[in-house]
PDB file of N, CA and C in Angstrom:
ATOM      1  N   UNK A   1       0.820  -1.181   0.000  1.00  0.00           N
ATOM      2  CA  UNK A   1       0.000   0.000   0.000  1.00  0.00           C
ATOM      3  C   UNK A   1       0.871   1.255   0.000  1.00  0.00           C
ATOM      4  N   UNK A   2       1.960   1.238   0.752  1.00  0.00           N
ATOM      5  CA  UNK A   2       2.839   2.412   0.794  1.00  0.00           C
ATOM      6  C   UNK A   2       3.377   2.754  -0.593  1.00  0.00           C
ATOM      7  N   UNK A   3       3.698   1.718  -1.361  1.00  0.00           N
ATOM      8  CA  UNK A   3       4.223   1.943  -2.716  1.00  0.00           C
ATOM      9  C   UNK A   3       3.158   2.584  -3.612  1.00  0.00           C
ATOM     10  N   UNK A   4       1.900   2.155  -3.483  1.00  0.00           N
ATOM     11  CA  UNK A   4       0.823   2.752  -4.276  1.00  0.00           C
ATOM     12  C   UNK A   4       0.622   4.223  -3.915  1.00  0.00           C
ATOM     13  N   UNK A   5       0.796   4.562  -2.647  1.00  0.00           N
ATOM     14  CA  UNK A   5       0.698   5.966  -2.221  1.00  0.00           C
ATOM     15  C   UNK A   5       1.868   6.752  -2.814  1.00  0.00           C
ATOM     16  N   UNK A   6       3.090   6.186  -2.758  1.00  0.00           N
ATOM     17  CA  UNK A   6       4.263   6.845  -3.334  1.00  0.00           C
ATOM     18  C   UNK A   6       4.079   7.131  -4.815  1.00  0.00           C
ATOM     19  N   UNK A   7       3.475   6.183  -5.525  1.00  0.00           N
ATOM     20  CA  UNK A   7       3.257   6.336  -6.961  1.00  0.00           C
ATOM     21  C   UNK A   7       2.034   7.206  -7.275  1.00  0.00           C
ATOM     22  N   UNK A   8       1.394   7.720  -6.226  1.00  0.00           N
ATOM     23  CA  UNK A   8       0.215   8.579  -6.357  1.00  0.00           C
ATOM     24  C   UNK A   8      -0.945   7.870  -7.059  1.00  0.00           C
ATOM     25  N   UNK A   9      -1.095   6.579  -6.788  1.00  0.00           N
ATOM     26  CA  UNK A   9      -2.194   5.814  -7.365  1.00  0.00           C
ATOM     27  C   UNK A   9      -3.381   5.733  -6.413  1.00  0.00           C
ATOM     28  N   UNK A  10      -3.124   5.805  -5.106  1.00  0.00           N
ATOM     29  CA  UNK A  10      -4.207   5.801  -4.131  1.00  0.00           C
ATOM     30  C   UNK A  10      -4.007   6.927  -3.116  1.00  0.00           C
ATOM     31  N   UNK A  11      -5.086   7.252  -2.451  1.00  0.00           N
ATOM     32  CA  UNK A  11      -5.072   8.213  -1.350  1.00  0.00           C
ATOM     33  C   UNK A  11      -5.403   7.422  -0.091  1.00  0.00           C
ATOM     34  N   UNK A  12      -4.610   7.577   0.948  1.00  0.00           N
ATOM     35  CA  UNK A  12      -4.909   6.837   2.177  1.00  0.00           C
ATOM     36  C   UNK A  12      -5.239   7.760   3.342  1.00  0.00           C
ATOM     37  N   UNK A  13      -5.520   9.010   3.039  1.00  0.00           N
ATOM     38  CA  UNK A  13      -5.882   9.977   4.081  1.00  0.00           C
ATOM     39  C   UNK A  13      -7.078  10.798   3.595  1.00  0.00           C
ATOM     40  N   UNK A  14      -8.234  10.154   3.538  1.00  0.00           N
ATOM     41  CA  UNK A  14      -9.441  10.816   3.050  1.00  0.00           C
ATOM     42  C   UNK A  14     -10.032  11.658   4.177  1.00  0.00           C
ATOM     43  N   UNK A  15     -10.221  12.953   3.935  1.00  0.00           N
ATOM     44  CA  UNK A  15     -10.808  13.800   4.986  1.00  0.00           C
ATOM     45  C   UNK A  15     -12.276  13.445   5.224  1.00  0.00           C
ATOM     46  N   UNK A  16     -12.768  13.823   6.392  1.00  0.00           N
ATOM     47  CA  UNK A  16     -14.174  13.565   6.696  1.00  0.00           C
ATOM     48  C   UNK A  16     -15.063  14.339   5.735  1.00  0.00           C
ATOM     49  N   UNK A  17     -16.211  13.762   5.426  1.00  0.00           N
ATOM     50  CA  UNK A  17     -17.132  14.376   4.461  1.00  0.00           C
ATOM     51  C   UNK A  17     -18.367  14.893   5.198  1.00  0.00           C
ATOM     52  N   UNK A  18     -18.281  16.092   5.692  1.00  0.00           N
ATOM     53  CA  UNK A  18     -19.410  16.695   6.403  1.00  0.00           C
ATOM     54  C   UNK A  18     -20.437  17.191   5.393  1.00  0.00           C
ATOM     55  N   UNK A  19     -21.706  16.860   5.629  1.00  0.00           N
ATOM     56  CA  UNK A  19     -22.771  17.229   4.694  1.00  0.00           C
ATOM     57  C   UNK A  19     -22.888  18.741   4.496  1.00  0.00           C
ATOM     58  N   UNK A  20     -22.642  19.524   5.513  1.00  0.00           N
ATOM     59  CA  UNK A  20     -22.816  20.964   5.385  1.00  0.00           C
ATOM     60  C   UNK A  20     -21.774  21.608   4.459  1.00  0.00           C
ATOM     61  N   UNK A  21     -20.716  20.891   4.096  1.00  0.00           N
ATOM     62  CA  UNK A  21     -19.692  21.421   3.207  1.00  0.00           C
ATOM     63  C   UNK A  21     -20.032  21.244   1.724  1.00  0.00           C
ATOM     64  N   UNK A  22     -21.105  20.526   1.427  1.00  0.00           N
ATOM     65  CA  UNK A  22     -21.450  20.220   0.038  1.00  0.00           C
ATOM     66  C   UNK A  22     -22.682  20.984  -0.402  1.00  0.00           C
ATOM     67  N   UNK A  23     -22.626  21.575  -1.586  1.00  0.00           N
ATOM     68  CA  UNK A  23     -23.770  22.295  -2.131  1.00  0.00           C
ATOM     69  C   UNK A  23     -24.859  21.319  -2.536  1.00  0.00           C
ATOM     70  N   UNK A  24     -24.475  20.252  -3.179  1.00  0.00           N
ATOM     71  CA  UNK A  24     -25.411  19.240  -3.651  1.00  0.00           C
ATOM     72  C   UNK A  24     -25.324  18.024  -2.734  1.00  0.00           C
ATOM     73  N   UNK A  25     -25.402  16.882  -3.275  1.00  0.00           N
ATOM     74  CA  UNK A  25     -25.343  15.633  -2.518  1.00  0.00           C
ATOM     75  C   UNK A  25     -23.893  15.315  -2.146  1.00  0.00           C
ATOM     76  N   UNK A  26     -23.616  14.990  -0.884  1.00  0.00           N
ATOM     77  CA  UNK A  26     -22.236  14.654  -0.500  1.00  0.00           C
ATOM     78  C   UNK A  26     -21.796  13.348  -1.168  1.00  0.00           C
ATOM     79  N   UNK A  27     -20.491  13.182  -1.374  1.00  0.00           N
ATOM     80  CA  UNK A  27     -20.014  11.953  -1.999  1.00  0.00           C
ATOM     81  C   UNK A  27     -20.308  10.747  -1.116  1.00  0.00           C
ATOM     82  N   UNK A  28     -20.406   9.572  -1.718  1.00  0.00           N
ATOM     83  CA  UNK A  28     -20.691   8.375  -0.921  1.00  0.00           C
ATOM     84  C   UNK A  28     -19.537   8.043   0.018  1.00  0.00           C
ATOM     85  N   UNK A  29     -19.856   7.454   1.141  1.00  0.00           N
ATOM     86  CA  UNK A  29     -18.821   7.020   2.069  1.00  0.00           C
ATOM     87  C   UNK A  29     -18.042   5.837   1.525  1.00  0.00           C
ATOM     88  N   UNK A  30     -18.671   5.109   0.602  1.00  0.00           N
ATOM     89  CA  UNK A  30     -18.034   3.922   0.045  1.00  0.00           C
ATOM     90  C   UNK A  30     -18.680   3.621  -1.305  1.00  0.00           C
ATOM     91  N   UNK A  31     -17.860   3.350  -2.317  1.00  0.00           N
ATOM     92  CA  UNK A  31     -18.359   2.979  -3.637  1.00  0.00           C
ATOM     93  C   UNK A  31     -17.351   2.031  -4.280  1.00  0.00           C
ATOM     94  N   UNK A  32     -17.526   0.713  -4.084  1.00  0.00           N
ATOM     95  CA  UNK A  32     -16.567  -0.251  -4.616  1.00  0.00           C
ATOM     96  C   UNK A  32     -16.415  -0.194  -6.139  1.00  0.00           C
ATOM     97  N   UNK A  33     -17.474   0.157  -6.840  1.00  0.00           N
ATOM     98  CA  UNK A  33     -17.404   0.221  -8.296  1.00  0.00           C
ATOM     99  C   UNK A  33     -16.386   1.273  -8.753  1.00  0.00           C
ATOM    100  N   UNK A  34     -16.342   2.397  -8.067  1.00  0.00           N
ATOM    101  CA  UNK A  34     -15.378   3.453  -8.388  1.00  0.00           C
ATOM    102  C   UNK A  34     -14.048   3.285  -7.664  1.00  0.00           C
ATOM    103  N   UNK A  35     -14.002   2.400  -6.682  1.00  0.00           N
ATOM    104  CA  UNK A  35     -12.763   2.207  -5.926  1.00  0.00           C
ATOM    105  C   UNK A  35     -12.614   3.172  -4.774  1.00  0.00           C
ATOM    106  N   UNK A  36     -13.749   3.542  -4.175  1.00  0.00           N
ATOM    107  CA  UNK A  36     -13.742   4.454  -3.033  1.00  0.00           C
ATOM    108  C   UNK A  36     -14.130   3.676  -1.787  1.00  0.00           C
ATOM    109  N   UNK A  37     -13.240   3.667  -0.811  1.00  0.00           N
ATOM    110  CA  UNK A  37     -13.529   3.024   0.465  1.00  0.00           C
ATOM    111  C   UNK A  37     -13.685   4.078   1.536  1.00  0.00           C
ATOM    112  N   UNK A  38     -13.882   3.650   2.747  1.00  0.00           N
ATOM    113  CA  UNK A  38     -14.050   4.609   3.840  1.00  0.00           C
ATOM    114  C   UNK A  38     -12.744   5.336   4.148  1.00  0.00           C
ATOM    115  N   UNK A  39     -11.600   4.635   4.037  1.00  0.00           N
ATOM    116  CA  UNK A  39     -10.315   5.221   4.405  1.00  0.00           C
ATOM    117  C   UNK A  39      -9.321   5.335   3.250  1.00  0.00           C
ATOM    118  N   UNK A  40      -9.570   4.621   2.154  1.00  0.00           N
ATOM    119  CA  UNK A  40      -8.640   4.593   1.022  1.00  0.00           C
ATOM    120  C   UNK A  40      -9.433   4.710  -0.273  1.00  0.00           C
ATOM    121  N   UNK A  41      -8.877   5.430  -1.254  1.00  0.00           N
ATOM    122  CA  UNK A  41      -9.531   5.549  -2.565  1.00  0.00           C
ATOM    123  C   UNK A  41      -8.473   5.588  -3.655  1.00  0.00           C
ATOM    124  N   UNK A  42      -8.831   5.036  -4.800  1.00  0.00           N
ATOM    125  CA  UNK A  42      -7.974   5.156  -5.974  1.00  0.00           C
ATOM    126  C   UNK A  42      -8.031   6.595  -6.448  1.00  0.00           C
ATOM    127  N   UNK A  43      -6.927   7.105  -7.017  1.00  0.00           N
ATOM    128  CA  UNK A  43      -6.916   8.470  -7.550  1.00  0.00           C
ATOM    129  C   UNK A  43      -7.921   8.608  -8.690  1.00  0.00           C
ATOM    130  N   UNK A  44      -8.069   7.568  -9.487  1.00  0.00           N
ATOM    131  CA  UNK A  44      -9.073   7.573 -10.555  1.00  0.00           C
ATOM    132  C   UNK A  44      -9.487   6.131 -10.837  1.00  0.00           C
ATOM    133  N   UNK A  45     -10.677   5.931 -11.396  1.00  0.00           N
ATOM    134  CA  UNK A  45     -11.092   4.567 -11.750  1.00  0.00           C
ATOM    135  C   UNK A  45     -10.129   3.905 -12.737  1.00  0.00           C
ATOM    136  N   UNK A  46      -9.436   4.703 -13.539  1.00  0.00           N
ATOM    137  CA  UNK A  46      -8.470   4.163 -14.494  1.00  0.00           C
ATOM    138  C   UNK A  46      -7.334   3.432 -13.770  1.00  0.00           C
ATOM    139  N   UNK A  47      -6.836   4.008 -12.673  1.00  0.00           N
ATOM    140  CA  UNK A  47      -5.783   3.355 -11.897  1.00  0.00           C
ATOM    141  C   UNK A  47      -6.272   2.023 -11.335  1.00  0.00           C
ATOM    142  N   UNK A  48      -7.486   2.013 -10.829  1.00  0.00           N
ATOM    143  CA  UNK A  48      -8.065   0.781 -10.275  1.00  0.00           C
ATOM    144  C   UNK A  48      -8.154  -0.296 -11.346  1.00  0.00           C
ATOM    145  N   UNK A  49      -8.641   0.064 -12.518  1.00  0.00           N
ATOM    146  CA  UNK A  49      -8.798  -0.899 -13.611  1.00  0.00           C
ATOM    147  C   UNK A  49      -7.444  -1.404 -14.102  1.00  0.00           C
ATOM    148  N   UNK A  50      -6.467  -0.518 -14.209  1.00  0.00           N
ATOM    149  CA  UNK A  50      -5.131  -0.930 -14.650  1.00  0.00           C
ATOM    150  C   UNK A  50      -4.523  -1.924 -13.668  1.00  0.00           C
ATOM    151  N   UNK A  51      -4.670  -1.670 -12.383  1.00  0.00           N
ATOM    152  CA  UNK A  51      -4.125  -2.587 -11.369  1.00  0.00           C
ATOM    153  C   UNK A  51      -4.862  -3.918 -11.398  1.00  0.00           C
ATOM    154  N   UNK A  52      -6.175  -3.894 -11.586  1.00  0.00           N
ATOM    155  CA  UNK A  52      -6.959  -5.124 -11.650  1.00  0.00           C
ATOM    156  C   UNK A  52      -6.496  -5.988 -12.819  1.00  0.00           C
ATOM    157  N   UNK A  53      -6.311  -5.370 -13.977  1.00  0.00           N
ATOM    158  CA  UNK A  53      -5.876  -6.112 -15.163  1.00  0.00           C
ATOM    159  C   UNK A  53      -4.469  -6.669 -14.989  1.00  0.00           C
ATOM    160  N   UNK A  54      -3.587  -5.872 -14.423  1.00  0.00           N
ATOM    161  CA  UNK A  54      -2.215  -6.324 -14.196  1.00  0.00           C
ATOM    162  C   UNK A  54      -2.182  -7.520 -13.265  1.00  0.00           C
ATOM    163  N   UNK A  55      -2.916  -7.442 -12.159  1.00  0.00           N
ATOM    164  CA  UNK A  55      -2.935  -8.554 -11.214  1.00  0.00           C
ATOM    165  C   UNK A  55      -3.571  -9.795 -11.843  1.00  0.00           C
ATOM    166  N   UNK A  56      -4.586  -9.616 -12.672  1.00  0.00           N
ATOM    167  CA  UNK A  56      -5.217 -10.730 -13.335  1.00  0.00           C
ATOM    168  C   UNK A  56      -4.233 -11.443 -14.268  1.00  0.00           C
ATOM    169  N   UNK A  57      -3.463 -10.659 -15.035  1.00  0.00           N
ATOM    170  CA  UNK A  57      -2.453 -11.231 -15.932  1.00  0.00           C
ATOM    171  C   UNK A  57      -1.357 -11.968 -15.175  1.00  0.00           C
ATOM    172  N   UNK A  58      -0.951 -11.418 -14.048  1.00  0.00           N
ATOM    173  CA  UNK A  58       0.116 -12.036 -13.263  1.00  0.00           C
ATOM    174  C   UNK A  58      -0.312 -13.351 -12.616  1.00  0.00           C
ATOM    175  N   UNK A  59      -1.596 -13.489 -12.322  1.00  0.00           N
ATOM    176  CA  UNK A  59      -2.076 -14.693 -11.642  1.00  0.00           C
ATOM    177  C   UNK A  59      -2.495 -15.785 -12.614  1.00  0.00           C
ATOM    178  N   UNK A  60      -2.459 -15.512 -13.908  1.00  0.00           N
ATOM    179  CA  UNK A  60      -2.853 -16.538 -14.887  1.00  0.00           C
ATOM    180  C   UNK A  60      -1.704 -17.437 -15.237  1.00  0.00           C
TER     181      UNK A  60
END
């Protein structure tokens, strides 16, 4: 995980999401489809997909 943070592929320090700070609907606390967890999130869905494909190729 530390290496993924170094490479700027994930964020491991997500700030709290207070509803009063959002004009519209606040972001979800968790969205596995996009790669957003409660404490860790991928920088973009593209990074998540690239890592998934790489790991899939390595395990075949």
